[in-house]
Amino acid sequence: MNGSAHNALSVVEMTLKRGPAGLGFNIVGGVDQQYIMNDSGIYVAKIKDDGAAALDGRLQEGDKILAINGQNLDNLSHSAAVELFRSAGEDVHLRVQQGPNLQNGPTSSRADGESSSAFGTWTMCTVVALAVITAAGFIAYKRLQFHARASRGPF
C-alpha cells in the first residue's frame, strides 16, 4: 500500500442506537466471503436511507468495521459477524476504519442479520447458464460425431 493511501485511513469510534429497522446498513466480508482479496475484514456495503447509520452520518459505505462492542472482528466468518450485530443490543459501539470508498465486491448480507439473495441469485444464474451452454455444446458435439460415423457407412 502506498503512503498516501495509508495516510487517508483513520480509525473512529461511534455508538449507534438500534432503530426499528436495525442499525441501518448492510455488511460484506469475513474469512469465508472475502470482500477484498487477502482481507477477511467486515465492510459496510450499503447504508440504508433513514436508518440509524444514515441519521448518524459518520459511517460510510466502504468503511471497515474493526470491532463491535469491544469485540474484534478479526478472523470471523461472515455469519459470525452477522450474529454479533444481531446480538449487540440497542446501543452498539463500533470501531471503524474509514478511508477511501472500496466498492469492489458483492453486497450480499445485511447487518441486521437478514440475508439478501442478490449475490446468491446472480451466482446461481451464472452456474445455470454455464450448465446450459455446456450441455448444448456437448449435444452438438455428439450429433456431429454421430453424423460423421453415419456418413462413413457400417464397418
Protein backbone atom coordinates (compact mmCIF):
# COMPACT_ATOMS: atom_id res chain seq x y z
CA MET A 1 0.00 0.00 0.00
CA ASN A 2 1.46 3.37 -0.87
CA GLY A 3 1.97 6.06 1.75
CA SER A 4 -0.74 8.42 0.52
CA ALA A 5 -3.45 5.75 0.61
CA HIS A 6 -2.35 4.59 4.04
CA ASN A 7 -2.44 8.14 5.42
CA ALA A 8 -6.02 8.59 4.16
CA LEU A 9 -7.27 5.91 6.56
CA SER A 10 -8.45 6.83 10.05
CA VAL A 11 -9.96 4.86 12.91
CA VAL A 12 -13.03 6.31 14.60
CA GLU A 13 -15.30 5.12 17.39
CA MET A 14 -19.04 5.64 17.36
CA THR A 15 -22.17 4.40 19.07
CA LEU A 16 -25.33 3.78 17.07
CA LYS A 17 -28.75 3.32 18.63
CA ARG A 18 -30.62 0.44 17.00
CA GLY A 19 -33.82 1.60 15.34
CA PRO A 20 -36.95 -0.25 14.18
CA ALA A 21 -35.06 -1.42 11.05
CA GLY A 22 -31.88 -2.41 12.90
CA LEU A 23 -28.68 -0.40 12.56
CA GLY A 24 -29.44 0.65 9.01
CA PHE A 25 -26.56 -0.82 6.99
CA ASN A 26 -25.53 -3.97 5.14
CA ILE A 27 -22.21 -5.74 5.59
CA VAL A 28 -19.99 -7.92 3.43
CA GLY A 29 -16.80 -9.83 4.11
CA GLY A 30 -15.46 -12.43 6.52
CA VAL A 31 -12.92 -15.24 6.26
CA ASP A 32 -15.37 -17.26 4.16
CA GLN A 33 -16.58 -14.41 1.89
CA GLN A 34 -13.68 -12.02 1.34
CA TYR A 35 -14.85 -8.67 0.01
CA ILE A 36 -11.31 -7.51 -0.78
CA MET A 37 -8.70 -10.02 -1.88
CA ASN A 38 -6.47 -11.19 1.00
CA ASP A 39 -8.56 -9.24 3.54
CA SER A 40 -11.11 -11.11 5.64
CA GLY A 41 -12.43 -7.92 7.26
CA ILE A 42 -16.06 -6.89 7.57
CA TYR A 43 -17.05 -3.90 5.41
CA VAL A 44 -20.07 -1.62 5.14
CA ALA A 45 -21.67 -2.38 1.77
CA LYS A 46 -24.78 -0.20 1.88
CA ILE A 47 -26.18 2.49 4.16
CA LYS A 48 -29.98 2.40 4.28
CA ASP A 49 -31.77 5.72 3.86
CA ASP A 50 -33.28 6.95 7.13
CA GLY A 51 -31.62 4.13 9.09
CA ALA A 52 -29.63 4.64 12.30
CA ALA A 53 -26.29 4.80 10.43
CA ALA A 54 -27.59 7.30 7.86
CA LEU A 55 -29.09 9.54 10.54
CA ASP A 56 -25.81 9.49 12.48
CA GLY A 57 -23.84 10.30 9.32
CA ARG A 58 -20.38 9.07 10.28
CA LEU A 59 -20.45 5.52 8.91
CA GLN A 60 -19.84 5.36 5.16
CA GLU A 61 -20.07 2.67 2.50
CA GLY A 62 -16.65 1.05 2.18
CA ASP A 63 -15.72 1.55 5.84
CA LYS A 64 -14.10 -1.46 7.55
CA ILE A 65 -15.68 -2.39 10.88
CA LEU A 66 -12.90 -3.40 13.25
CA ALA A 67 -14.90 -4.13 16.42
CA ILE A 68 -18.44 -4.34 17.79
CA ASN A 69 -18.90 -3.51 21.50
CA GLY A 70 -15.16 -4.06 22.02
CA GLN A 71 -15.06 -7.46 20.29
CA ASN A 72 -12.60 -7.55 17.37
CA LEU A 73 -13.92 -8.86 14.08
CA ASP A 74 -10.57 -10.37 13.01
CA ASN A 75 -10.79 -13.86 11.52
CA LEU A 76 -14.57 -14.19 11.78
CA SER A 77 -16.84 -15.84 9.26
CA HIS A 78 -19.49 -13.66 7.69
CA SER A 79 -22.30 -15.39 9.59
CA ALA A 80 -20.45 -14.98 12.90
CA ALA A 81 -20.13 -11.24 12.26
CA VAL A 82 -23.84 -11.01 11.39
CA GLU A 83 -24.67 -12.81 14.63
CA LEU A 84 -22.54 -10.32 16.62
CA PHE A 85 -24.53 -7.47 15.09
CA ARG A 86 -27.83 -9.21 15.81
CA SER A 87 -26.98 -9.79 19.47
CA ALA A 88 -25.20 -6.48 20.10
CA GLY A 89 -28.08 -4.82 21.94
CA GLU A 90 -29.76 -1.46 21.46
CA ASP A 91 -26.69 0.78 21.79
CA VAL A 92 -23.93 -0.60 19.58
CA HIS A 93 -20.38 0.71 19.91
CA LEU A 94 -18.33 0.42 16.71
CA ARG A 95 -14.64 0.92 15.98
CA VAL A 96 -14.37 1.70 12.29
CA GLN A 97 -11.50 2.23 9.86
CA GLN A 98 -12.60 4.95 7.49
CA GLY A 99 -10.88 5.73 4.26
CA PRO A 100 -11.27 5.54 0.52
CA ASN A 101 -14.51 4.04 -0.75
CA LEU A 102 -13.65 0.44 -1.69
CA GLN A 103 -16.75 -0.73 -3.58
CA ASN A 104 -15.40 -3.72 -5.48
CA GLY A 105 -17.37 -6.68 -4.29
CA PRO A 106 -20.83 -8.10 -3.78
CA THR A 107 -23.39 -6.63 -1.44
CA SER A 108 -24.90 -9.81 -0.17
CA SER A 109 -25.80 -9.56 3.50
CA ARG A 110 -27.32 -7.20 5.97
CA ALA A 111 -26.07 -6.06 9.35
CA ASP A 112 -29.42 -6.79 10.95
CA GLY A 113 -28.96 -10.45 10.09
CA GLU A 114 -31.43 -10.75 7.24
CA SER A 115 -29.85 -12.24 4.14
CA SER A 116 -30.11 -10.54 0.79
CA SER A 117 -30.10 -13.05 -2.03
CA ALA A 118 -28.86 -10.74 -4.79
CA PHE A 119 -25.36 -12.23 -4.94
CA GLY A 120 -26.61 -15.80 -4.49
CA THR A 121 -29.18 -15.34 -7.25
CA TRP A 122 -26.56 -13.89 -9.60
CA THR A 123 -24.21 -16.78 -8.85
CA MET A 124 -26.95 -19.36 -9.40
CA CYS A 125 -27.99 -17.76 -12.72
CA THR A 126 -24.37 -17.83 -13.89
CA VAL A 127 -23.97 -21.50 -12.94
CA VAL A 128 -27.23 -22.47 -14.66
CA ALA A 129 -26.29 -20.51 -17.80
CA LEU A 130 -22.88 -22.21 -17.94
CA ALA A 131 -24.51 -25.62 -17.46
CA VAL A 132 -26.97 -24.98 -20.30
CA ILE A 133 -24.20 -23.77 -22.63
CA THR A 134 -22.05 -26.79 -21.76
CA ALA A 135 -24.95 -29.20 -22.33
CA ALA A 136 -25.80 -27.59 -25.68
CA GLY A 137 -22.16 -27.83 -26.76
CA PHE A 138 -21.95 -31.48 -25.73
CA ILE A 139 -25.15 -32.35 -27.63
CA ALA A 140 -23.89 -30.55 -30.75
CA TYR A 141 -20.56 -32.40 -30.48
CA LYS A 142 -22.29 -35.78 -30.14
CA ARG A 143 -24.57 -35.03 -33.11
CA LEU A 144 -21.57 -34.14 -35.26
CA GLN A 145 -19.79 -37.28 -34.12
CA PHE A 146 -22.87 -39.43 -34.91
CA HIS A 147 -23.35 -37.86 -38.36
CA ALA A 148 -19.66 -38.32 -39.17
CA ARG A 149 -19.91 -42.05 -38.32
CA ALA A 150 -23.16 -42.48 -40.22
CA SER A 151 -21.72 -40.92 -43.38
CA ARG A 152 -18.75 -43.35 -43.40
CA GLY A 153 -21.03 -46.36 -43.52
CA PRO A 154 -21.00 -49.51 -41.38
CA PHE A 155 -17.75 -51.28 -40.62
